[in-house]
């Protein structure tokens, strides 16, 4: 059986270790906040510049969206049941992913 002195010594060691771990955690949190603040784009212009650097043209993306809407409208007129099944399937997949 452990004596009172041994238990108190062990408790003191655990308190010291806990204090060290808390200090490390604070340091990591502070470093992480600095990294996130410096890494995040702050304005719309910064985002555009990043996209241009990676070769992404927003006008092409908008055109693709318009074409997709036009294509789905045509599909809906020509094949209404198929369009209904596509919409149902997409809704089901999105619902399963979210919940």
N, C-alpha and C. Protein backbone atom coordinates (compact mmCIF):
# COMPACT_ATOMS: atom_id res chain seq x y z
N UNK A 1 0.84 -1.18 0.00
CA UNK A 1 0.00 0.00 0.00
C UNK A 1 0.89 1.25 0.00
N UNK A 2 0.47 2.23 -0.80
CA UNK A 2 1.26 3.45 -0.93
C UNK A 2 1.07 4.34 0.28
N UNK A 3 2.14 5.01 0.63
CA UNK A 3 2.06 5.93 1.77
C UNK A 3 1.56 7.28 1.30
N UNK A 4 1.18 8.09 2.26
CA UNK A 4 0.66 9.43 1.96
C UNK A 4 1.73 10.27 1.25
N UNK A 5 2.95 10.15 1.66
CA UNK A 5 4.05 10.92 1.06
C UNK A 5 4.25 10.53 -0.40
N UNK A 6 4.18 9.23 -0.69
CA UNK A 6 4.34 8.77 -2.07
C UNK A 6 3.21 9.28 -2.96
N UNK A 7 2.00 9.23 -2.42
CA UNK A 7 0.84 9.73 -3.19
C UNK A 7 0.94 11.23 -3.44
N UNK A 8 1.38 11.97 -2.45
CA UNK A 8 1.53 13.43 -2.62
C UNK A 8 2.62 13.75 -3.64
N UNK A 9 3.72 12.98 -3.62
CA UNK A 9 4.80 13.19 -4.60
C UNK A 9 4.31 12.90 -6.01
N UNK A 10 3.55 11.82 -6.15
CA UNK A 10 3.00 11.48 -7.47
C UNK A 10 2.01 12.53 -7.94
N UNK A 11 1.19 13.04 -7.01
CA UNK A 11 0.23 14.09 -7.36
C UNK A 11 0.95 15.35 -7.82
N UNK A 12 2.03 15.69 -7.15
CA UNK A 12 2.80 16.88 -7.54
C UNK A 12 3.41 16.70 -8.94
N UNK A 13 3.92 15.52 -9.24
CA UNK A 13 4.46 15.25 -10.58
C UNK A 13 3.37 15.38 -11.64
N UNK A 14 2.20 14.86 -11.35
CA UNK A 14 1.09 14.94 -12.30
C UNK A 14 0.65 16.39 -12.53
N UNK A 15 0.67 17.19 -11.48
CA UNK A 15 0.30 18.61 -11.63
C UNK A 15 1.31 19.34 -12.51
N UNK A 16 2.61 19.05 -12.32
CA UNK A 16 3.64 19.67 -13.15
C UNK A 16 3.47 19.27 -14.62
N UNK A 17 3.23 17.99 -14.84
CA UNK A 17 3.05 17.52 -16.22
C UNK A 17 1.82 18.15 -16.85
N UNK A 18 0.75 18.27 -16.09
CA UNK A 18 -0.47 18.90 -16.59
C UNK A 18 -0.21 20.36 -16.98
N UNK A 19 0.54 21.07 -16.14
CA UNK A 19 0.87 22.46 -16.44
C UNK A 19 1.69 22.56 -17.72
N UNK A 20 2.64 21.66 -17.91
CA UNK A 20 3.46 21.67 -19.13
C UNK A 20 2.60 21.41 -20.37
N UNK A 21 1.70 20.46 -20.27
CA UNK A 21 0.84 20.13 -21.41
C UNK A 21 -0.11 21.27 -21.74
N UNK A 22 -0.63 21.95 -20.74
CA UNK A 22 -1.50 23.10 -20.98
C UNK A 22 -0.73 24.21 -21.68
N UNK A 23 0.51 24.43 -21.27
CA UNK A 23 1.34 25.48 -21.90
C UNK A 23 1.61 25.14 -23.37
N UNK A 24 1.93 23.88 -23.65
CA UNK A 24 2.14 23.47 -25.04
C UNK A 24 0.89 23.66 -25.88
N UNK A 25 -0.24 23.34 -25.29
CA UNK A 25 -1.51 23.48 -26.00
C UNK A 25 -1.78 24.94 -26.33
N UNK A 26 -1.51 25.84 -25.38
CA UNK A 26 -1.70 27.28 -25.63
C UNK A 26 -0.78 27.76 -26.75
N UNK A 27 0.47 27.30 -26.74
CA UNK A 27 1.42 27.70 -27.78
C UNK A 27 0.97 27.23 -29.15
N UNK A 28 0.51 25.98 -29.25
CA UNK A 28 0.03 25.44 -30.52
C UNK A 28 -1.18 26.20 -31.02
N UNK A 29 -2.09 26.53 -30.11
CA UNK A 29 -3.29 27.27 -30.48
C UNK A 29 -2.92 28.65 -31.01
N UNK A 30 -1.98 29.31 -30.35
CA UNK A 30 -1.56 30.63 -30.80
C UNK A 30 -0.89 30.56 -32.16
N UNK A 31 -0.02 29.56 -32.38
CA UNK A 31 0.64 29.41 -33.68
C UNK A 31 -0.37 29.07 -34.77
N UNK A 32 -1.35 28.23 -34.46
CA UNK A 32 -2.37 27.85 -35.43
C UNK A 32 -3.22 29.04 -35.84
N UNK A 33 -3.55 29.91 -34.89
CA UNK A 33 -4.36 31.09 -35.20
C UNK A 33 -3.58 32.05 -36.09
N UNK A 34 -2.28 32.20 -35.83
CA UNK A 34 -1.45 33.08 -36.67
C UNK A 34 -1.36 32.53 -38.09
N UNK A 35 -1.20 31.22 -38.22
CA UNK A 35 -1.09 30.60 -39.53
C UNK A 35 -2.39 30.75 -40.32
N UNK A 36 -3.51 30.53 -39.68
CA UNK A 36 -4.79 30.66 -40.36
C UNK A 36 -5.05 32.09 -40.78
N UNK A 37 -4.71 33.03 -39.93
CA UNK A 37 -4.96 34.43 -40.26
C UNK A 37 -4.11 34.88 -41.45
N UNK A 38 -2.88 34.41 -41.53
CA UNK A 38 -2.02 34.82 -42.63
C UNK A 38 -2.33 34.07 -43.92
N UNK A 39 -2.89 32.86 -43.82
CA UNK A 39 -3.13 32.04 -45.00
C UNK A 39 -4.45 32.37 -45.69
N UNK A 40 -5.41 32.92 -44.99
CA UNK A 40 -6.74 33.15 -45.56
C UNK A 40 -6.75 34.40 -46.43
N UNK A 41 -7.28 34.30 -47.68
CA UNK A 41 -7.42 35.48 -48.51
C UNK A 41 -8.44 36.43 -47.88
N UNK A 42 -8.16 37.71 -47.96
CA UNK A 42 -9.00 38.67 -47.26
C UNK A 42 -10.00 39.37 -48.18
N UNK A 43 -9.69 39.49 -49.45
CA UNK A 43 -10.59 40.22 -50.34
C UNK A 43 -10.91 39.39 -51.57
N UNK A 44 -11.90 39.86 -52.29
CA UNK A 44 -12.29 39.20 -53.53
C UNK A 44 -11.16 39.25 -54.56
N UNK A 45 -10.41 40.33 -54.56
CA UNK A 45 -9.28 40.46 -55.48
C UNK A 45 -8.20 39.42 -55.19
N UNK A 46 -7.96 39.15 -53.90
CA UNK A 46 -6.98 38.13 -53.55
C UNK A 46 -7.41 36.76 -54.06
N UNK A 47 -8.70 36.47 -53.95
CA UNK A 47 -9.22 35.19 -54.43
C UNK A 47 -9.09 35.10 -55.94
N UNK A 48 -9.42 36.17 -56.64
CA UNK A 48 -9.27 36.18 -58.10
C UNK A 48 -7.82 35.95 -58.51
N UNK A 49 -6.91 36.61 -57.81
CA UNK A 49 -5.49 36.44 -58.13
C UNK A 49 -5.05 35.00 -57.93
N UNK A 50 -5.49 34.39 -56.83
CA UNK A 50 -5.14 32.99 -56.58
C UNK A 50 -5.69 32.08 -57.67
N UNK A 51 -6.93 32.33 -58.10
CA UNK A 51 -7.52 31.51 -59.16
C UNK A 51 -6.77 31.69 -60.47
N UNK A 52 -6.39 32.91 -60.78
CA UNK A 52 -5.65 33.17 -62.01
C UNK A 52 -4.27 32.50 -61.96
N UNK A 53 -3.64 32.51 -60.80
CA UNK A 53 -2.34 31.86 -60.66
C UNK A 53 -2.43 30.36 -60.93
N UNK A 54 -3.57 29.77 -60.61
CA UNK A 54 -3.76 28.34 -60.82
C UNK A 54 -4.42 28.03 -62.17
N UNK A 55 -4.60 29.05 -62.99
CA UNK A 55 -5.13 28.83 -64.33
C UNK A 55 -6.63 28.62 -64.40
N UNK A 56 -7.37 29.14 -63.44
CA UNK A 56 -8.82 29.00 -63.44
C UNK A 56 -9.44 30.32 -63.89
N UNK A 57 -10.25 30.24 -64.94
CA UNK A 57 -10.91 31.42 -65.48
C UNK A 57 -12.37 31.39 -65.06
N UNK A 58 -12.80 32.39 -64.29
CA UNK A 58 -14.17 32.41 -63.77
C UNK A 58 -15.21 32.57 -64.87
N UNK A 59 -14.88 33.26 -65.94
CA UNK A 59 -15.86 33.43 -67.02
C UNK A 59 -16.20 32.08 -67.65
N UNK A 60 -15.21 31.19 -67.77
CA UNK A 60 -15.48 29.86 -68.31
C UNK A 60 -16.38 29.07 -67.37
N UNK A 61 -16.17 29.22 -66.07
CA UNK A 61 -16.99 28.51 -65.09
C UNK A 61 -18.43 28.97 -65.17
N UNK A 62 -18.65 30.27 -65.36
CA UNK A 62 -20.01 30.79 -65.49
C UNK A 62 -20.66 30.25 -66.76
N UNK A 63 -19.89 30.18 -67.85
CA UNK A 63 -20.43 29.66 -69.10
C UNK A 63 -20.82 28.19 -68.96
N UNK A 64 -20.03 27.42 -68.25
CA UNK A 64 -20.35 26.01 -68.04
C UNK A 64 -21.65 25.88 -67.27
N UNK A 65 -21.87 26.73 -66.27
CA UNK A 65 -23.11 26.71 -65.50
C UNK A 65 -24.32 27.02 -66.37
N UNK A 66 -24.18 28.02 -67.22
CA UNK A 66 -25.28 28.38 -68.14
C UNK A 66 -25.57 27.23 -69.10
N UNK A 67 -24.53 26.61 -69.62
CA UNK A 67 -24.72 25.49 -70.53
C UNK A 67 -25.40 24.32 -69.85
N UNK A 68 -25.05 24.07 -68.60
CA UNK A 68 -25.67 22.97 -67.86
C UNK A 68 -27.16 23.23 -67.65
N UNK A 69 -27.53 24.46 -67.35
CA UNK A 69 -28.94 24.81 -67.17
C UNK A 69 -29.69 24.66 -68.48
N UNK A 70 -29.11 25.14 -69.57
CA UNK A 70 -29.75 25.01 -70.88
C UNK A 70 -29.91 23.55 -71.27
N UNK A 71 -28.90 22.75 -71.01
CA UNK A 71 -28.95 21.33 -71.36
C UNK A 71 -30.02 20.61 -70.53
N UNK A 72 -30.12 20.94 -69.26
CA UNK A 72 -31.14 20.31 -68.43
C UNK A 72 -32.54 20.74 -68.87
N UNK A 73 -32.69 22.01 -69.27
CA UNK A 73 -33.99 22.48 -69.77
C UNK A 73 -34.38 21.71 -71.03
N UNK A 74 -33.42 21.50 -71.93
CA UNK A 74 -33.70 20.74 -73.14
C UNK A 74 -34.06 19.30 -72.79
N UNK A 75 -33.32 18.72 -71.86
CA UNK A 75 -33.60 17.35 -71.44
C UNK A 75 -34.99 17.25 -70.81
N UNK A 76 -35.37 18.26 -70.06
CA UNK A 76 -36.68 18.26 -69.41
C UNK A 76 -37.80 18.31 -70.44
N UNK A 77 -37.61 19.06 -71.51
CA UNK A 77 -38.64 19.15 -72.56
C UNK A 77 -38.71 17.86 -73.37
N UNK A 78 -37.56 17.29 -73.71
CA UNK A 78 -37.53 16.10 -74.56
C UNK A 78 -37.82 14.81 -73.79
N UNK A 79 -37.31 14.71 -72.56
CA UNK A 79 -37.45 13.49 -71.77
C UNK A 79 -37.87 13.84 -70.34
N UNK A 80 -39.14 14.15 -70.12
CA UNK A 80 -39.55 14.64 -68.80
C UNK A 80 -39.38 13.59 -67.68
N UNK A 81 -39.63 12.32 -67.96
CA UNK A 81 -39.50 11.30 -66.92
C UNK A 81 -38.03 11.12 -66.53
N UNK A 82 -37.15 11.17 -67.50
CA UNK A 82 -35.71 11.07 -67.21
C UNK A 82 -35.26 12.23 -66.34
N UNK A 83 -35.73 13.43 -66.67
CA UNK A 83 -35.36 14.61 -65.88
C UNK A 83 -35.88 14.48 -64.45
N UNK A 84 -37.08 13.94 -64.30
CA UNK A 84 -37.65 13.73 -62.98
C UNK A 84 -36.82 12.72 -62.18
N UNK A 85 -36.41 11.64 -62.83
CA UNK A 85 -35.58 10.64 -62.15
C UNK A 85 -34.22 11.20 -61.76
N UNK A 86 -33.65 12.04 -62.61
CA UNK A 86 -32.36 12.67 -62.30
C UNK A 86 -32.50 13.58 -61.09
N UNK A 87 -33.56 14.40 -61.08
CA UNK A 87 -33.78 15.33 -59.96
C UNK A 87 -34.00 14.55 -58.66
N UNK A 88 -34.79 13.48 -58.74
CA UNK A 88 -35.03 12.66 -57.54
C UNK A 88 -33.74 12.03 -57.05
N UNK A 89 -32.96 11.47 -57.96
CA UNK A 89 -31.70 10.81 -57.59
C UNK A 89 -30.73 11.80 -56.96
N UNK A 90 -30.62 12.96 -57.57
CA UNK A 90 -29.72 13.98 -57.04
C UNK A 90 -30.17 14.41 -55.64
N UNK A 91 -31.45 14.62 -55.46
CA UNK A 91 -31.97 14.99 -54.14
C UNK A 91 -31.72 13.90 -53.11
N UNK A 92 -31.87 12.65 -53.51
CA UNK A 92 -31.64 11.54 -52.60
C UNK A 92 -30.17 11.48 -52.19
N UNK A 93 -29.27 11.62 -53.15
CA UNK A 93 -27.83 11.56 -52.86
C UNK A 93 -27.43 12.71 -51.94
N UNK A 94 -27.90 13.91 -52.23
CA UNK A 94 -27.56 15.07 -51.39
C UNK A 94 -28.11 14.87 -49.98
N UNK A 95 -29.32 14.35 -49.89
CA UNK A 95 -29.91 14.10 -48.57
C UNK A 95 -29.14 13.07 -47.77
N UNK A 96 -28.67 12.03 -48.42
CA UNK A 96 -27.90 10.98 -47.74
C UNK A 96 -26.52 11.50 -47.29
N UNK A 97 -25.93 12.35 -48.12
CA UNK A 97 -24.62 12.88 -47.78
C UNK A 97 -24.71 13.82 -46.57
N UNK A 98 -25.76 14.61 -46.50
CA UNK A 98 -25.92 15.57 -45.41
C UNK A 98 -26.35 14.92 -44.11
N UNK A 99 -27.10 13.87 -44.18
CA UNK A 99 -27.66 13.33 -42.93
C UNK A 99 -27.13 12.04 -42.63
